[in-house]
Amino acid sequence: METISGHASTITFSEQDHQLEKLEFALALALSEGCHDKAHHLRSCIEALGDQGEEPGT
């Protein structure tokens, strides 16, 4: 399996997909609860991981 460099360690593409999925779920919750600051932070985290604009696992 190919790897990419993470923040402090090396992660696989499937691990990155899983992390993106968790962040997107947290973002959906934050938006549904009206937590705009938290949603902004989560969007930044998603961008930092390199969101490809597609659902994880596709």
PDB file of N, CA and C in Angstrom:
ATOM      1  N   MET A   1       0.846  -1.178   0.000  1.00  0.00           N
ATOM      2  CA  MET A   1       0.000   0.000   0.000  1.00  0.00           C
ATOM      3  C   MET A   1       0.890   1.238   0.000  1.00  0.00           C
ATOM      4  N   GLU A   2       0.544   2.234  -0.799  1.00  0.00           N
ATOM      5  CA  GLU A   2       1.323   3.453  -0.865  1.00  0.00           C
ATOM      6  C   GLU A   2       1.127   4.271   0.408  1.00  0.00           C
ATOM      7  N   THR A   3       2.119   5.092   0.715  1.00  0.00           N
ATOM      8  CA  THR A   3       2.015   5.951   1.888  1.00  0.00           C
ATOM      9  C   THR A   3       2.254   7.400   1.492  1.00  0.00           C
ATOM     10  N   ILE A   4       1.774   8.292   2.340  1.00  0.00           N
ATOM     11  CA  ILE A   4       2.023   9.717   2.181  1.00  0.00           C
ATOM     12  C   ILE A   4       2.512  10.246   3.512  1.00  0.00           C
ATOM     13  N   SER A   5       3.175  11.377   3.494  1.00  0.00           N
ATOM     14  CA  SER A   5       3.664  11.955   4.739  1.00  0.00           C
ATOM     15  C   SER A   5       2.527  12.610   5.484  1.00  0.00           C
ATOM     16  N   GLY A   6       2.431  12.312   6.778  1.00  0.00           N
ATOM     17  CA  GLY A   6       1.451  12.936   7.649  1.00  0.00           C
ATOM     18  C   GLY A   6       2.113  14.056   8.416  1.00  0.00           C
ATOM     19  N   HIS A   7       1.408  14.587   9.403  1.00  0.00           N
ATOM     20  CA  HIS A   7       1.958  15.680  10.188  1.00  0.00           C
ATOM     21  C   HIS A   7       3.241  15.249  10.895  1.00  0.00           C
ATOM     22  N   ALA A   8       3.167  14.218  11.717  1.00  0.00           N
ATOM     23  CA  ALA A   8       4.330  13.787  12.478  1.00  0.00           C
ATOM     24  C   ALA A   8       4.757  12.377  12.101  1.00  0.00           C
ATOM     25  N   SER A   9       3.977  11.710  11.276  1.00  0.00           N
ATOM     26  CA  SER A   9       4.296  10.333  10.918  1.00  0.00           C
ATOM     27  C   SER A   9       3.804  10.054   9.512  1.00  0.00           C
ATOM     28  N   THR A  10       4.075   8.852   9.036  1.00  0.00           N
ATOM     29  CA  THR A  10       3.624   8.426   7.718  1.00  0.00           C
ATOM     30  C   THR A  10       2.318   7.663   7.873  1.00  0.00           C
ATOM     31  N   ILE A  11       1.323   8.014   7.034  1.00  0.00           N
ATOM     32  CA  ILE A  11       0.037   7.321   7.085  1.00  0.00           C
ATOM     33  C   ILE A  11      -0.286   6.779   5.702  1.00  0.00           C
ATOM     34  N   THR A  12      -1.068   5.712   5.651  1.00  0.00           N
ATOM     35  CA  THR A  12      -1.462   5.141   4.374  1.00  0.00           C
ATOM     36  C   THR A  12      -2.653   5.903   3.824  1.00  0.00           C
ATOM     37  N   PHE A  13      -2.934   5.724   2.542  1.00  0.00           N
ATOM     38  CA  PHE A  13      -4.081   6.381   1.928  1.00  0.00           C
ATOM     39  C   PHE A  13      -5.375   5.957   2.613  1.00  0.00           C
ATOM     40  N   SER A  14      -5.508   4.676   2.966  1.00  0.00           N
ATOM     41  CA  SER A  14      -6.739   4.237   3.611  1.00  0.00           C
ATOM     42  C   SER A  14      -6.876   4.869   4.996  1.00  0.00           C
ATOM     43  N   GLU A  15      -5.781   5.067   5.715  1.00  0.00           N
ATOM     44  CA  GLU A  15      -5.843   5.755   7.004  1.00  0.00           C
ATOM     45  C   GLU A  15      -6.250   7.208   6.815  1.00  0.00           C
ATOM     46  N   GLN A  16      -5.748   7.828   5.747  1.00  0.00           N
ATOM     47  CA  GLN A  16      -6.123   9.211   5.451  1.00  0.00           C
ATOM     48  C   GLN A  16      -7.617   9.278   5.138  1.00  0.00           C
ATOM     49  N   ASP A  17      -8.116   8.334   4.361  1.00  0.00           N
ATOM     50  CA  ASP A  17      -9.545   8.287   4.051  1.00  0.00           C
ATOM     51  C   ASP A  17     -10.365   8.156   5.327  1.00  0.00           C
ATOM     52  N   HIS A  18      -9.916   7.299   6.234  1.00  0.00           N
ATOM     53  CA  HIS A  18     -10.636   7.098   7.499  1.00  0.00           C
ATOM     54  C   HIS A  18     -10.621   8.380   8.328  1.00  0.00           C
ATOM     55  N   GLN A  19      -9.481   9.045   8.386  1.00  0.00           N
ATOM     56  CA  GLN A  19      -9.389  10.300   9.137  1.00  0.00           C
ATOM     57  C   GLN A  19     -10.303  11.355   8.523  1.00  0.00           C
ATOM     58  N   LEU A  20     -10.337  11.445   7.199  1.00  0.00           N
ATOM     59  CA  LEU A  20     -11.230  12.393   6.523  1.00  0.00           C
ATOM     60  C   LEU A  20     -12.688  12.084   6.840  1.00  0.00           C
ATOM     61  N   GLU A  21     -13.031  10.809   6.843  1.00  0.00           N
ATOM     62  CA  GLU A  21     -14.401  10.415   7.149  1.00  0.00           C
ATOM     63  C   GLU A  21     -14.792  10.849   8.562  1.00  0.00           C
ATOM     64  N   LYS A  22     -13.898  10.651   9.522  1.00  0.00           N
ATOM     65  CA  LYS A  22     -14.179  11.067  10.902  1.00  0.00           C
ATOM     66  C   LYS A  22     -14.321  12.587  11.001  1.00  0.00           C
ATOM     67  N   LEU A  23     -13.446  13.321  10.325  1.00  0.00           N
ATOM     68  CA  LEU A  23     -13.522  14.778  10.362  1.00  0.00           C
ATOM     69  C   LEU A  23     -14.802  15.288   9.701  1.00  0.00           C
ATOM     70  N   GLU A  24     -15.190  14.671   8.593  1.00  0.00           N
ATOM     71  CA  GLU A  24     -16.414  15.092   7.909  1.00  0.00           C
ATOM     72  C   GLU A  24     -17.644  14.801   8.757  1.00  0.00           C
ATOM     73  N   PHE A  25     -17.636  13.694   9.497  1.00  0.00           N
ATOM     74  CA  PHE A  25     -18.737  13.384  10.403  1.00  0.00           C
ATOM     75  C   PHE A  25     -18.798  14.423  11.517  1.00  0.00           C
ATOM     76  N   ALA A  26     -17.643  14.753  12.091  1.00  0.00           N
ATOM     77  CA  ALA A  26     -17.592  15.767  13.144  1.00  0.00           C
ATOM     78  C   ALA A  26     -18.053  17.122  12.606  1.00  0.00           C
ATOM     79  N   LEU A  27     -17.698  17.426  11.369  1.00  0.00           N
ATOM     80  CA  LEU A  27     -18.134  18.679  10.747  1.00  0.00           C
ATOM     81  C   LEU A  27     -19.648  18.714  10.612  1.00  0.00           C
ATOM     82  N   ALA A  28     -20.241  17.619  10.173  1.00  0.00           N
ATOM     83  CA  ALA A  28     -21.701  17.550  10.032  1.00  0.00           C
ATOM     84  C   ALA A  28     -22.378  17.773  11.386  1.00  0.00           C
ATOM     85  N   LEU A  29     -21.830  17.163  12.429  1.00  0.00           N
ATOM     86  CA  LEU A  29     -22.389  17.356  13.770  1.00  0.00           C
ATOM     87  C   LEU A  29     -22.257  18.813  14.217  1.00  0.00           C
ATOM     88  N   ALA A  30     -21.090  19.385  14.009  1.00  0.00           N
ATOM     89  CA  ALA A  30     -20.867  20.777  14.415  1.00  0.00           C
ATOM     90  C   ALA A  30     -21.835  21.718  13.693  1.00  0.00           C
ATOM     91  N   LEU A  31     -22.040  21.486  12.404  1.00  0.00           N
ATOM     92  CA  LEU A  31     -22.960  22.327  11.641  1.00  0.00           C
ATOM     93  C   LEU A  31     -24.392  22.153  12.120  1.00  0.00           C
ATOM     94  N   SER A  32     -24.770  20.913  12.424  1.00  0.00           N
ATOM     95  CA  SER A  32     -26.141  20.674  12.880  1.00  0.00           C
ATOM     96  C   SER A  32     -26.391  21.292  14.251  1.00  0.00           C
ATOM     97  N   GLU A  33     -25.335  21.438  15.038  1.00  0.00           N
ATOM     98  CA  GLU A  33     -25.459  22.036  16.366  1.00  0.00           C
ATOM     99  C   GLU A  33     -25.224  23.542  16.345  1.00  0.00           C
ATOM    100  N   GLY A  34     -24.877  24.091  15.183  1.00  0.00           N
ATOM    101  CA  GLY A  34     -24.658  25.529  15.058  1.00  0.00           C
ATOM    102  C   GLY A  34     -23.323  26.005  15.606  1.00  0.00           C
ATOM    103  N   CYS A  35     -22.352  25.107  15.718  1.00  0.00           N
ATOM    104  CA  CYS A  35     -21.022  25.452  16.236  1.00  0.00           C
ATOM    105  C   CYS A  35     -20.129  25.905  15.075  1.00  0.00           C
ATOM    106  N   HIS A  36     -20.243  27.168  14.711  1.00  0.00           N
ATOM    107  CA  HIS A  36     -19.547  27.673  13.527  1.00  0.00           C
ATOM    108  C   HIS A  36     -18.036  27.729  13.703  1.00  0.00           C
ATOM    109  N   ASP A  37     -17.551  28.066  14.892  1.00  0.00           N
ATOM    110  CA  ASP A  37     -16.100  28.091  15.125  1.00  0.00           C
ATOM    111  C   ASP A  37     -15.502  26.693  14.990  1.00  0.00           C
ATOM    112  N   LYS A  38     -16.179  25.715  15.583  1.00  0.00           N
ATOM    113  CA  LYS A  38     -15.711  24.332  15.490  1.00  0.00           C
ATOM    114  C   LYS A  38     -15.761  23.857  14.035  1.00  0.00           C
ATOM    115  N   ALA A  39     -16.818  24.216  13.316  1.00  0.00           N
ATOM    116  CA  ALA A  39     -16.944  23.823  11.912  1.00  0.00           C
ATOM    117  C   ALA A  39     -15.814  24.424  11.078  1.00  0.00           C
ATOM    118  N   HIS A  40     -15.463  25.664  11.355  1.00  0.00           N
ATOM    119  CA  HIS A  40     -14.362  26.315  10.627  1.00  0.00           C
ATOM    120  C   HIS A  40     -13.048  25.568  10.878  1.00  0.00           C
ATOM    121  N   HIS A  41     -12.818  25.205  12.137  1.00  0.00           N
ATOM    122  CA  HIS A  41     -11.600  24.464  12.487  1.00  0.00           C
ATOM    123  C   HIS A  41     -11.573  23.105  11.780  1.00  0.00           C
ATOM    124  N   LEU A  42     -12.692  22.411  11.783  1.00  0.00           N
ATOM    125  CA  LEU A  42     -12.757  21.093  11.142  1.00  0.00           C
ATOM    126  C   LEU A  42     -12.544  21.192   9.637  1.00  0.00           C
ATOM    127  N   ARG A  43     -13.091  22.230   9.013  1.00  0.00           N
ATOM    128  CA  ARG A  43     -12.853  22.427   7.570  1.00  0.00           C
ATOM    129  C   ARG A  43     -11.373  22.630   7.299  1.00  0.00           C
ATOM    130  N   SER A  44     -10.693  23.376   8.166  1.00  0.00           N
ATOM    131  CA  SER A  44      -9.251  23.586   8.013  1.00  0.00           C
ATOM    132  C   SER A  44      -8.492  22.269   8.121  1.00  0.00           C
ATOM    133  N   CYS A  45      -8.900  21.431   9.057  1.00  0.00           N
ATOM    134  CA  CYS A  45      -8.266  20.118   9.217  1.00  0.00           C
ATOM    135  C   CYS A  45      -8.475  19.258   7.983  1.00  0.00           C
ATOM    136  N   ILE A  46      -9.670  19.296   7.424  1.00  0.00           N
ATOM    137  CA  ILE A  46      -9.987  18.527   6.217  1.00  0.00           C
ATOM    138  C   ILE A  46      -9.123  19.004   5.056  1.00  0.00           C
ATOM    139  N   GLU A  47      -9.006  20.313   4.901  1.00  0.00           N
ATOM    140  CA  GLU A  47      -8.165  20.857   3.833  1.00  0.00           C
ATOM    141  C   GLU A  47      -6.709  20.458   4.017  1.00  0.00           C
ATOM    142  N   ALA A  48      -6.238  20.448   5.260  1.00  0.00           N
ATOM    143  CA  ALA A  48      -4.847  20.086   5.530  1.00  0.00           C
ATOM    144  C   ALA A  48      -4.554  18.637   5.144  1.00  0.00           C
ATOM    145  N   LEU A  49      -5.553  17.773   5.257  1.00  0.00           N
ATOM    146  CA  LEU A  49      -5.375  16.373   4.862  1.00  0.00           C
ATOM    147  C   LEU A  49      -5.484  16.184   3.356  1.00  0.00           C
ATOM    148  N   GLY A  50      -5.943  17.213   2.660  1.00  0.00           N
ATOM    149  CA  GLY A  50      -6.016  17.114   1.207  1.00  0.00           C
ATOM    150  C   GLY A  50      -7.293  16.503   0.709  1.00  0.00           C
ATOM    151  N   ASP A  51      -8.425  17.021   1.147  1.00  0.00           N
ATOM    152  CA  ASP A  51      -9.729  16.532   0.693  1.00  0.00           C
ATOM    153  C   ASP A  51      -9.766  16.524  -0.830  1.00  0.00           C
ATOM    154  N   GLN A  52     -10.078  15.375  -1.390  1.00  0.00           N
ATOM    155  CA  GLN A  52     -10.115  15.216  -2.847  1.00  0.00           C
ATOM    156  C   GLN A  52     -11.496  15.519  -3.430  1.00  0.00           C
ATOM    157  N   GLY A  53     -12.428  15.971  -2.606  1.00  0.00           N
ATOM    158  CA  GLY A  53     -13.757  16.291  -3.097  1.00  0.00           C
ATOM    159  C   GLY A  53     -14.606  15.076  -3.390  1.00  0.00           C
ATOM    160  N   GLU A  54     -14.263  13.954  -2.792  1.00  0.00           N
ATOM    161  CA  GLU A  54     -15.050  12.737  -2.997  1.00  0.00           C
ATOM    162  C   GLU A  54     -15.228  12.048  -1.658  1.00  0.00           C
ATOM    163  N   GLU A  55     -16.220  11.197  -1.594  1.00  0.00           N
ATOM    164  CA  GLU A  55     -16.498  10.467  -0.356  1.00  0.00           C
ATOM    165  C   GLU A  55     -15.343   9.496  -0.074  1.00  0.00           C
ATOM    166  N   PRO A  56     -14.945   9.381   1.200  1.00  0.00           N
ATOM    167  CA  PRO A  56     -13.894   8.403   1.523  1.00  0.00           C
ATOM    168  C   PRO A  56     -14.320   7.000   1.093  1.00  0.00           C
ATOM    169  N   GLY A  57     -13.357   6.258   0.618  1.00  0.00           N
ATOM    170  CA  GLY A  57     -13.616   4.884   0.202  1.00  0.00           C
ATOM    171  C   GLY A  57     -14.115   4.747  -1.223  1.00  0.00           C
ATOM    172  N   THR A  58     -14.236   5.864  -1.952  1.00  0.00           N
ATOM    173  CA  THR A  58     -14.700   5.766  -3.343  1.00  0.00           C
ATOM    174  C   THR A  58     -13.543   5.858  -4.306  1.00  0.00           C
TER     175      THR A  58
END
